[in-house]
PDB file of N, CA and C in Angstrom:
ATOM      1  N   UNK A   1       0.726  -0.946   0.134  1.00  0.00           N
ATOM      2  CA  UNK A   1       0.273  -0.186  -0.395  1.00  0.00           C
ATOM      3  C   UNK A   1       0.897   1.416   0.471  1.00  0.00           C
ATOM      4  N   UNK A   2       1.568   1.461   0.639  1.00  0.00           N
ATOM      5  CA  UNK A   2       2.746   2.185   0.671  1.00  0.00           C
ATOM      6  C   UNK A   2       3.461   2.722  -0.365  1.00  0.00           C
ATOM      7  N   UNK A   3       3.569   1.593  -1.204  1.00  0.00           N
ATOM      8  CA  UNK A   3       4.254   1.356  -2.543  1.00  0.00           C
ATOM      9  C   UNK A   3       3.700   2.078  -3.859  1.00  0.00           C
ATOM     10  N   UNK A   4       2.213   2.379  -3.570  1.00  0.00           N
ATOM     11  CA  UNK A   4       1.193   2.595  -5.011  1.00  0.00           C
ATOM     12  C   UNK A   4       1.471   4.000  -4.465  1.00  0.00           C
ATOM     13  N   UNK A   5       1.426   5.280  -3.179  1.00  0.00           N
ATOM     14  CA  UNK A   5       1.131   5.853  -2.760  1.00  0.00           C
ATOM     15  C   UNK A   5       1.757   6.912  -4.180  1.00  0.00           C
ATOM     16  N   UNK A   6       3.931   6.099  -3.760  1.00  0.00           N
ATOM     17  CA  UNK A   6       4.502   6.973  -4.375  1.00  0.00           C
ATOM     18  C   UNK A   6       4.380   7.310  -5.883  1.00  0.00           C
ATOM     19  N   UNK A   7       5.099   8.479  -6.535  1.00  0.00           N
ATOM     20  CA  UNK A   7       4.505   9.015  -7.735  1.00  0.00           C
ATOM     21  C   UNK A   7       6.227   8.215  -8.733  1.00  0.00           C
ATOM     22  N   UNK A   8       6.312   7.829  -9.753  1.00  0.00           N
ATOM     23  CA  UNK A   8       7.086   7.426 -10.593  1.00  0.00           C
ATOM     24  C   UNK A   8       7.335   8.556 -11.228  1.00  0.00           C
ATOM     25  N   UNK A   9       8.628   8.507 -11.463  1.00  0.00           N
ATOM     26  CA  UNK A   9       9.910   9.841 -12.070  1.00  0.00           C
ATOM     27  C   UNK A   9       9.076  10.198 -13.516  1.00  0.00           C
ATOM     28  N   UNK A  10       9.499  11.192 -13.837  1.00  0.00           N
ATOM     29  CA  UNK A  10       8.937  11.944 -15.415  1.00  0.00           C
ATOM     30  C   UNK A  10      10.274  11.647 -16.402  1.00  0.00           C
ATOM     31  N   UNK A  11      10.126  11.177 -16.901  1.00  0.00           N
ATOM     32  CA  UNK A  11      10.525  10.585 -18.093  1.00  0.00           C
ATOM     33  C   UNK A  11      10.825  11.108 -19.372  1.00  0.00           C
ATOM     34  N   UNK A  12       9.509  10.767 -19.817  1.00  0.00           N
ATOM     35  CA  UNK A  12       8.913  10.828 -21.345  1.00  0.00           C
ATOM     36  C   UNK A  12       8.883  12.565 -21.307  1.00  0.00           C
ATOM     37  N   UNK A  13       9.228  13.023 -21.753  1.00  0.00           N
ATOM     38  CA  UNK A  13       9.361  14.762 -22.082  1.00  0.00           C
ATOM     39  C   UNK A  13      10.231  15.254 -21.685  1.00  0.00           C
ATOM     40  N   UNK A  14      10.899  14.861 -20.763  1.00  0.00           N
ATOM     41  CA  UNK A  14      11.985  15.343 -19.522  1.00  0.00           C
ATOM     42  C   UNK A  14      12.918  16.329 -20.302  1.00  0.00           C
ATOM     43  N   UNK A  15      13.456  15.876 -21.254  1.00  0.00           N
ATOM     44  CA  UNK A  15      14.807  16.308 -21.961  1.00  0.00           C
ATOM     45  C   UNK A  15      13.742  17.785 -22.613  1.00  0.00           C
ATOM     46  N   UNK A  16      13.007  17.332 -23.603  1.00  0.00           N
ATOM     47  CA  UNK A  16      12.484  18.647 -24.285  1.00  0.00           C
ATOM     48  C   UNK A  16      12.066  19.903 -23.381  1.00  0.00           C
ATOM     49  N   UNK A  17      11.341  19.490 -21.854  1.00  0.00           N
ATOM     50  CA  UNK A  17      10.932  20.193 -21.004  1.00  0.00           C
ATOM     51  C   UNK A  17      11.959  21.335 -20.433  1.00  0.00           C
ATOM     52  N   UNK A  18      13.187  20.730 -19.981  1.00  0.00           N
ATOM     53  CA  UNK A  18      14.467  21.147 -19.627  1.00  0.00           C
ATOM     54  C   UNK A  18      14.707  22.354 -20.447  1.00  0.00           C
ATOM     55  N   UNK A  19      15.059  21.640 -21.834  1.00  0.00           N
ATOM     56  CA  UNK A  19      15.658  22.054 -23.222  1.00  0.00           C
ATOM     57  C   UNK A  19      14.971  23.553 -23.217  1.00  0.00           C
ATOM     58  N   UNK A  20      13.520  23.617 -23.652  1.00  0.00           N
ATOM     59  CA  UNK A  20      13.435  24.577 -24.242  1.00  0.00           C
ATOM     60  C   UNK A  20      13.018  25.585 -22.867  1.00  0.00           C
ATOM     61  N   UNK A  21      13.024  25.497 -21.449  1.00  0.00           N
ATOM     62  CA  UNK A  21      13.321  26.131 -20.362  1.00  0.00           C
ATOM     63  C   UNK A  21      14.469  26.719 -20.168  1.00  0.00           C
ATOM     64  N   UNK A  22      15.392  26.215 -20.867  1.00  0.00           N
ATOM     65  CA  UNK A  22      17.186  26.730 -20.897  1.00  0.00           C
ATOM     66  C   UNK A  22      17.288  27.369 -22.264  1.00  0.00           C
ATOM     67  N   UNK A  23      16.453  27.100 -23.389  1.00  0.00           N
ATOM     68  CA  UNK A  23      16.764  27.859 -24.636  1.00  0.00           C
ATOM     69  C   UNK A  23      16.255  29.180 -24.284  1.00  0.00           C
ATOM     70  N   UNK A  24      14.663  29.741 -23.421  1.00  0.00           N
ATOM     71  CA  UNK A  24      14.173  30.535 -23.284  1.00  0.00           C
ATOM     72  C   UNK A  24      14.782  31.493 -22.403  1.00  0.00           C
ATOM     73  N   UNK A  25      15.165  30.759 -21.444  1.00  0.00           N
ATOM     74  CA  UNK A  25      16.544  31.112 -20.449  1.00  0.00           C
ATOM     75  C   UNK A  25      17.900  32.229 -20.755  1.00  0.00           C
ATOM     76  N   UNK A  26      17.669  31.185 -22.137  1.00  0.00           N
ATOM     77  CA  UNK A  26      19.215  31.817 -22.357  1.00  0.00           C
ATOM     78  C   UNK A  26      18.992  33.136 -23.146  1.00  0.00           C
ATOM     79  N   UNK A  27      17.983  33.614 -23.823  1.00  0.00           N
ATOM     80  CA  UNK A  27      17.412  34.354 -25.352  1.00  0.00           C
ATOM     81  C   UNK A  27      17.146  35.430 -24.304  1.00  0.00           C
ATOM     82  N   UNK A  28      16.428  35.302 -23.386  1.00  0.00           N
ATOM     83  CA  UNK A  28      16.191  36.253 -22.488  1.00  0.00           C
ATOM     84  C   UNK A  28      17.248  37.178 -21.709  1.00  0.00           C
ATOM     85  N   UNK A  29      18.352  36.027 -21.713  1.00  0.00           N
ATOM     86  CA  UNK A  29      19.602  36.729 -20.936  1.00  0.00           C
ATOM     87  C   UNK A  29      20.129  37.373 -21.899  1.00  0.00           C
ATOM     88  N   UNK A  30      20.614  36.763 -23.100  1.00  0.00           N
ATOM     89  CA  UNK A  30      21.290  37.497 -24.028  1.00  0.00           C
ATOM     90  C   UNK A  30      20.742  38.958 -24.441  1.00  0.00           C
ATOM     91  N   UNK A  31      19.490  39.131 -24.471  1.00  0.00           N
ATOM     92  CA  UNK A  31      18.881  39.917 -25.224  1.00  0.00           C
ATOM     93  C   UNK A  31      19.347  41.239 -24.490  1.00  0.00           C
ATOM     94  N   UNK A  32      18.662  40.809 -22.723  1.00  0.00           N
ATOM     95  CA  UNK A  32      19.041  41.822 -21.753  1.00  0.00           C
ATOM     96  C   UNK A  32      20.773  42.584 -21.094  1.00  0.00           C
ATOM     97  N   UNK A  33      21.951  41.491 -22.120  1.00  0.00           N
ATOM     98  CA  UNK A  33      23.036  42.047 -22.180  1.00  0.00           C
ATOM     99  C   UNK A  33      23.675  42.637 -23.205  1.00  0.00           C
ATOM    100  N   UNK A  34      22.861  42.601 -24.023  1.00  0.00           N
ATOM    101  CA  UNK A  34      22.887  43.273 -25.962  1.00  0.00           C
ATOM    102  C   UNK A  34      22.263  44.749 -25.499  1.00  0.00           C
ATOM    103  N   UNK A  35      21.197  44.198 -24.508  1.00  0.00           N
ATOM    104  CA  UNK A  35      20.728  45.847 -24.780  1.00  0.00           C
ATOM    105  C   UNK A  35      21.425  47.091 -23.377  1.00  0.00           C
ATOM    106  N   UNK A  36      21.747  46.002 -22.710  1.00  0.00           N
ATOM    107  CA  UNK A  36      22.774  46.543 -21.485  1.00  0.00           C
ATOM    108  C   UNK A  36      24.088  47.252 -22.193  1.00  0.00           C
ATOM    109  N   UNK A  37      24.605  46.787 -22.967  1.00  0.00           N
ATOM    110  CA  UNK A  37      25.831  46.415 -23.566  1.00  0.00           C
ATOM    111  C   UNK A  37      25.800  48.099 -24.678  1.00  0.00           C
ATOM    112  N   UNK A  38      24.462  47.977 -25.337  1.00  0.00           N
ATOM    113  CA  UNK A  38      24.107  48.995 -26.406  1.00  0.00           C
ATOM    114  C   UNK A  38      24.127  50.298 -25.673  1.00  0.00           C
ATOM    115  N   UNK A  39      22.879  50.562 -24.993  1.00  0.00           N
ATOM    116  CA  UNK A  39      22.520  51.680 -24.300  1.00  0.00           C
ATOM    117  C   UNK A  39      23.867  52.500 -22.976  1.00  0.00           C
ATOM    118  N   UNK A  40      24.263  51.288 -22.329  1.00  0.00           N
ATOM    119  CA  UNK A  40      25.477  51.446 -21.944  1.00  0.00           C
ATOM    120  C   UNK A  40      26.780  52.263 -22.064  1.00  0.00           C
ATOM    121  N   UNK A  41      27.479  51.200 -22.770  1.00  0.00           N
ATOM    122  CA  UNK A  41      28.311  51.396 -23.272  1.00  0.00           C
ATOM    123  C   UNK A  41      28.849  51.972 -24.412  1.00  0.00           C
ATOM    124  N   UNK A  42      28.144  51.451 -25.785  1.00  0.00           N
ATOM    125  CA  UNK A  42      27.901  51.926 -27.141  1.00  0.00           C
ATOM    126  C   UNK A  42      27.214  53.412 -27.218  1.00  0.00           C
ATOM    127  N   UNK A  43      26.131  54.021 -26.761  1.00  0.00           N
ATOM    128  CA  UNK A  43      25.617  55.031 -26.914  1.00  0.00           C
ATOM    129  C   UNK A  43      27.287  56.312 -26.039  1.00  0.00           C
ATOM    130  N   UNK A  44      27.458  55.731 -24.914  1.00  0.00           N
ATOM    131  CA  UNK A  44      28.226  56.896 -24.427  1.00  0.00           C
ATOM    132  C   UNK A  44      29.410  56.678 -24.921  1.00  0.00           C
ATOM    133  N   UNK A  45      30.332  55.996 -25.695  1.00  0.00           N
ATOM    134  CA  UNK A  45      31.112  56.001 -26.725  1.00  0.00           C
ATOM    135  C   UNK A  45      30.836  57.086 -28.110  1.00  0.00           C
ATOM    136  N   UNK A  46      29.533  56.513 -28.138  1.00  0.00           N
ATOM    137  CA  UNK A  46      29.127  57.191 -29.745  1.00  0.00           C
ATOM    138  C   UNK A  46      29.156  59.310 -29.089  1.00  0.00           C
ATOM    139  N   UNK A  47      29.320  59.636 -28.546  1.00  0.00           N
ATOM    140  CA  UNK A  47      29.006  61.046 -27.620  1.00  0.00           C
ATOM    141  C   UNK A  47      30.215  61.381 -27.627  1.00  0.00           C
ATOM    142  N   UNK A  48      31.074  60.262 -27.438  1.00  0.00           N
ATOM    143  CA  UNK A  48      32.347  60.653 -26.704  1.00  0.00           C
ATOM    144  C   UNK A  48      33.114  61.303 -27.873  1.00  0.00           C
ATOM    145  N   UNK A  49      33.009  60.048 -28.778  1.00  0.00           N
ATOM    146  CA  UNK A  49      33.745  60.487 -30.185  1.00  0.00           C
ATOM    147  C   UNK A  49      33.035  61.735 -30.609  1.00  0.00           C
ATOM    148  N   UNK A  50      31.585  62.008 -30.957  1.00  0.00           N
ATOM    149  CA  UNK A  50      31.252  63.229 -31.616  1.00  0.00           C
ATOM    150  C   UNK A  50      31.825  64.289 -30.956  1.00  0.00           C
ATOM    151  N   UNK A  51      31.846  64.038 -29.167  1.00  0.00           N
ATOM    152  CA  UNK A  51      32.276  65.582 -29.178  1.00  0.00           C
ATOM    153  C   UNK A  51      33.498  65.748 -28.942  1.00  0.00           C
ATOM    154  N   UNK A  52      34.901  64.341 -29.165  1.00  0.00           N
ATOM    155  CA  UNK A  52      36.151  64.956 -29.529  1.00  0.00           C
ATOM    156  C   UNK A  52      35.590  65.511 -31.306  1.00  0.00           C
ATOM    157  N   UNK A  53      35.266  64.869 -32.499  1.00  0.00           N
ATOM    158  CA  UNK A  53      35.364  65.501 -33.308  1.00  0.00           C
ATOM    159  C   UNK A  53      34.423  66.737 -33.760  1.00  0.00           C
ATOM    160  N   UNK A  54      34.080  67.230 -32.536  1.00  0.00           N
ATOM    161  CA  UNK A  54      33.395  68.412 -32.725  1.00  0.00           C
ATOM    162  C   UNK A  54      34.695  69.478 -32.619  1.00  0.00           C
ATOM    163  N   UNK A  55      35.379  69.642 -32.016  1.00  0.00           N
ATOM    164  CA  UNK A  55      36.431  70.047 -31.019  1.00  0.00           C
ATOM    165  C   UNK A  55      37.739  70.273 -32.203  1.00  0.00           C
ATOM    166  N   UNK A  56      37.715  68.938 -32.953  1.00  0.00           N
ATOM    167  CA  UNK A  56      38.665  68.280 -33.139  1.00  0.00           C
ATOM    168  C   UNK A  56      39.637  69.485 -34.743  1.00  0.00           C
ATOM    169  N   UNK A  57      40.986  70.035 -34.258  1.00  0.00           N
ATOM    170  CA  UNK A  57      41.737  70.293 -35.608  1.00  0.00           C
ATOM    171  C   UNK A  57      42.593  69.566 -35.950  1.00  0.00           C
ATOM    172  N   UNK A  58      42.585  69.202 -37.148  1.00  0.00           N
ATOM    173  CA  UNK A  58      43.287  68.483 -38.077  1.00  0.00           C
ATOM    174  C   UNK A  58      44.658  68.919 -38.142  1.00  0.00           C
ATOM    175  N   UNK A  59      44.537  70.066 -38.916  1.00  0.00           N
ATOM    176  CA  UNK A  59      45.643  70.920 -39.433  1.00  0.00           C
ATOM    177  C   UNK A  59      47.035  71.355 -38.041  1.00  0.00           C
ATOM    178  N   UNK A  60      45.925  71.290 -37.065  1.00  0.00           N
ATOM    179  CA  UNK A  60      46.580  71.685 -35.555  1.00  0.00           C
ATOM    180  C   UNK A  60      47.402  70.828 -35.380  1.00  0.00           C
ATOM    181  N   UNK A  61      46.926  69.888 -35.546  1.00  0.00           N
ATOM    182  CA  UNK A  61      47.338  68.425 -34.538  1.00  0.00           C
ATOM    183  C   UNK A  61      48.425  67.989 -35.409  1.00  0.00           C
ATOM    184  N   UNK A  62      48.526  68.000 -37.040  1.00  0.00           N
ATOM    185  CA  UNK A  62      49.062  67.773 -37.667  1.00  0.00           C
ATOM    186  C   UNK A  62      50.440  68.422 -37.949  1.00  0.00           C
ATOM    187  N   UNK A  63      50.176  70.024 -36.822  1.00  0.00           N
ATOM    188  CA  UNK A  63      51.788  70.793 -37.317  1.00  0.00           C
ATOM    189  C   UNK A  63      52.447  70.324 -36.056  1.00  0.00           C
ATOM    190  N   UNK A  64      51.574  70.414 -34.877  1.00  0.00           N
ATOM    191  CA  UNK A  64      52.029  69.785 -33.789  1.00  0.00           C
ATOM    192  C   UNK A  64      53.025  68.704 -33.519  1.00  0.00           C
ATOM    193  N   UNK A  65      52.670  67.719 -34.393  1.00  0.00           N
ATOM    194  CA  UNK A  65      53.194  65.987 -34.759  1.00  0.00           C
ATOM    195  C   UNK A  65      54.434  66.162 -35.487  1.00  0.00           C
ATOM    196  N   UNK A  66      54.156  67.490 -36.879  1.00  0.00           N
ATOM    197  CA  UNK A  66      55.233  67.434 -37.233  1.00  0.00           C
ATOM    198  C   UNK A  66      56.094  68.285 -37.036  1.00  0.00           C
ATOM    199  N   UNK A  67      56.104  69.366 -35.996  1.00  0.00           N
ATOM    200  CA  UNK A  67      56.982  70.152 -34.820  1.00  0.00           C
ATOM    201  C   UNK A  67      57.550  69.635 -34.099  1.00  0.00           C
ATOM    202  N   UNK A  68      57.766  68.106 -33.658  1.00  0.00           N
ATOM    203  CA  UNK A  68      57.487  66.986 -32.676  1.00  0.00           C
ATOM    204  C   UNK A  68      58.572  66.237 -33.467  1.00  0.00           C
ATOM    205  N   UNK A  69      59.124  66.094 -34.695  1.00  0.00           N
ATOM    206  CA  UNK A  69      59.589  64.974 -35.581  1.00  0.00           C
ATOM    207  C   UNK A  69      59.198  64.026 -34.966  1.00  0.00           C
ATOM    208  N   UNK A  70      57.901  63.423 -35.150  1.00  0.00           N
ATOM    209  CA  UNK A  70      57.187  62.799 -35.071  1.00  0.00           C
ATOM    210  C   UNK A  70      57.330  61.804 -36.928  1.00  0.00           C
ATOM    211  N   UNK A  71      56.705  62.167 -37.671  1.00  0.00           N
ATOM    212  CA  UNK A  71      56.574  61.795 -39.102  1.00  0.00           C
ATOM    213  C   UNK A  71      58.017  61.807 -39.357  1.00  0.00           C
ATOM    214  N   UNK A  72      58.544  60.617 -40.495  1.00  0.00           N
ATOM    215  CA  UNK A  72      59.462  60.319 -41.257  1.00  0.00           C
ATOM    216  C   UNK A  72      59.899  61.747 -42.395  1.00  0.00           C
ATOM    217  N   UNK A  73      58.444  61.074 -43.336  1.00  0.00           N
ATOM    218  CA  UNK A  73      58.366  61.674 -44.239  1.00  0.00           C
ATOM    219  C   UNK A  73      58.574  63.409 -44.299  1.00  0.00           C
ATOM    220  N   UNK A  74      58.187  64.058 -43.679  1.00  0.00           N
ATOM    221  CA  UNK A  74      58.156  65.302 -43.472  1.00  0.00           C
ATOM    222  C   UNK A  74      59.303  65.987 -42.418  1.00  0.00           C
ATOM    223  N   UNK A  75      59.991  67.232 -42.522  1.00  0.00           N
ATOM    224  CA  UNK A  75      60.772  67.549 -41.799  1.00  0.00           C
ATOM    225  C   UNK A  75      60.012  68.923 -41.216  1.00  0.00           C
ATOM    226  N   UNK A  76      60.754  69.119 -40.169  1.00  0.00           N
ATOM    227  CA  UNK A  76      60.356  70.172 -39.013  1.00  0.00           C
ATOM    228  C   UNK A  76      60.794  71.332 -39.379  1.00  0.00           C
ATOM    229  N   UNK A  77      60.523  72.647 -39.348  1.00  0.00           N
ATOM    230  CA  UNK A  77      61.050  73.834 -39.062  1.00  0.00           C
ATOM    231  C   UNK A  77      62.314  73.813 -39.077  1.00  0.00           C
ATOM    232  N   UNK A  78      62.983  73.697 -37.645  1.00  0.00           N
ATOM    233  CA  UNK A  78      63.610  73.544 -37.249  1.00  0.00           C
ATOM    234  C   UNK A  78      64.986  72.675 -38.422  1.00  0.00           C
ATOM    235  N   UNK A  79      64.450  71.772 -38.270  1.00  0.00           N
ATOM    236  CA  UNK A  79      65.094  70.472 -38.936  1.00  0.00           C
ATOM    237  C   UNK A  79      65.833  71.036 -40.157  1.00  0.00           C
ATOM    238  N   UNK A  80      64.707  71.762 -40.720  1.00  0.00           N
ATOM    239  CA  UNK A  80      65.215  72.179 -42.299  1.00  0.00           C
ATOM    240  C   UNK A  80      65.910  73.288 -42.129  1.00  0.00           C
ATOM    241  N   UNK A  81      65.528  73.936 -41.559  1.00  0.00           N
ATOM    242  CA  UNK A  81      67.134  75.277 -41.472  1.00  0.00           C
ATOM    243  C   UNK A  81      68.354  75.080 -40.804  1.00  0.00           C
ATOM    244  N   UNK A  82      68.416  73.524 -40.385  1.00  0.00           N
ATOM    245  CA  UNK A  82      69.802  73.206 -39.295  1.00  0.00           C
ATOM    246  C   UNK A  82      70.942  71.848 -40.817  1.00  0.00           C
ATOM    247  N   UNK A  83      69.397  71.343 -41.566  1.00  0.00           N
ATOM    248  CA  UNK A  83      69.777  70.206 -42.767  1.00  0.00           C
ATOM    249  C   UNK A  83      70.584  71.312 -43.599  1.00  0.00           C
ATOM    250  N   UNK A  84      69.776  72.794 -43.851  1.00  0.00           N
ATOM    251  CA  UNK A  84      70.576  73.223 -45.507  1.00  0.00           C
ATOM    252  C   UNK A  84      71.588  74.346 -44.583  1.00  0.00           C
ATOM    253  N   UNK A  85      72.033  74.438 -43.542  1.00  0.00           N
ATOM    254  CA  UNK A  85      72.714  75.317 -42.476  1.00  0.00           C
ATOM    255  C   UNK A  85      72.336  76.889 -42.741  1.00  0.00           C
ATOM    256  N   UNK A  86      70.472  77.168 -42.884  1.00  0.00           N
ATOM    257  CA  UNK A  86      69.982  78.197 -42.503  1.00  0.00           C
ATOM    258  C   UNK A  86      69.536  79.120 -41.591  1.00  0.00           C
ATOM    259  N   UNK A  87      70.073  80.057 -41.300  1.00  0.00           N
ATOM    260  CA  UNK A  87      70.097  80.632 -40.078  1.00  0.00           C
ATOM    261  C   UNK A  87      68.747  81.567 -39.637  1.00  0.00           C
ATOM    262  N   UNK A  88      68.918  82.125 -40.609  1.00  0.00           N
ATOM    263  CA  UNK A  88      68.434  83.530 -41.133  1.00  0.00           C
ATOM    264  C   UNK A  88      67.372  83.495 -41.954  1.00  0.00           C
ATOM    265  N   UNK A  89      67.172  81.938 -42.581  1.00  0.00           N
ATOM    266  CA  UNK A  89      66.128  82.330 -43.966  1.00  0.00           C
ATOM    267  C   UNK A  89      64.599  81.697 -42.975  1.00  0.00           C
ATOM    268  N   UNK A  90      63.201  82.128 -43.502  1.00  0.00           N
ATOM    269  CA  UNK A  90      62.392  81.499 -42.673  1.00  0.00           C
ATOM    270  C   UNK A  90      61.578  80.409 -44.067  1.00  0.00           C
ATOM    271  N   UNK A  91      61.459  79.444 -43.723  1.00  0.00           N
ATOM    272  CA  UNK A  91      60.864  78.607 -44.442  1.00  0.00           C
ATOM    273  C   UNK A  91      59.434  78.360 -44.404  1.00  0.00           C
ATOM    274  N   UNK A  92      59.088  78.679 -45.570  1.00  0.00           N
ATOM    275  CA  UNK A  92      57.219  78.492 -45.546  1.00  0.00           C
ATOM    276  C   UNK A  92      56.411  76.934 -44.522  1.00  0.00           C
ATOM    277  N   UNK A  93      55.688  76.820 -44.665  1.00  0.00           N
ATOM    278  CA  UNK A  93      55.067  76.118 -44.254  1.00  0.00           C
ATOM    279  C   UNK A  93      53.869  75.231 -45.034  1.00  0.00           C
TER     280      UNK A  93
END
């Protein structure tokens, strides 16, 4: 009598039930992570890049880099004067 009141374990359809539960859970979590990444990180990066390029002067940056002798293909104002031995001649930029 005691044995008849025990329920038998569910084996038929158990894998499909657990699989559908985990697939739905993984889908919800991945969509939540994607939304968090887009709104928390990507939008702030876009705003930071837009702010940077709004005030960026490429010619000023090029001239500063050129004067610092970072480029190998261009010579700065002081190197041109020293290379040719000109001390009082103004070199055009």
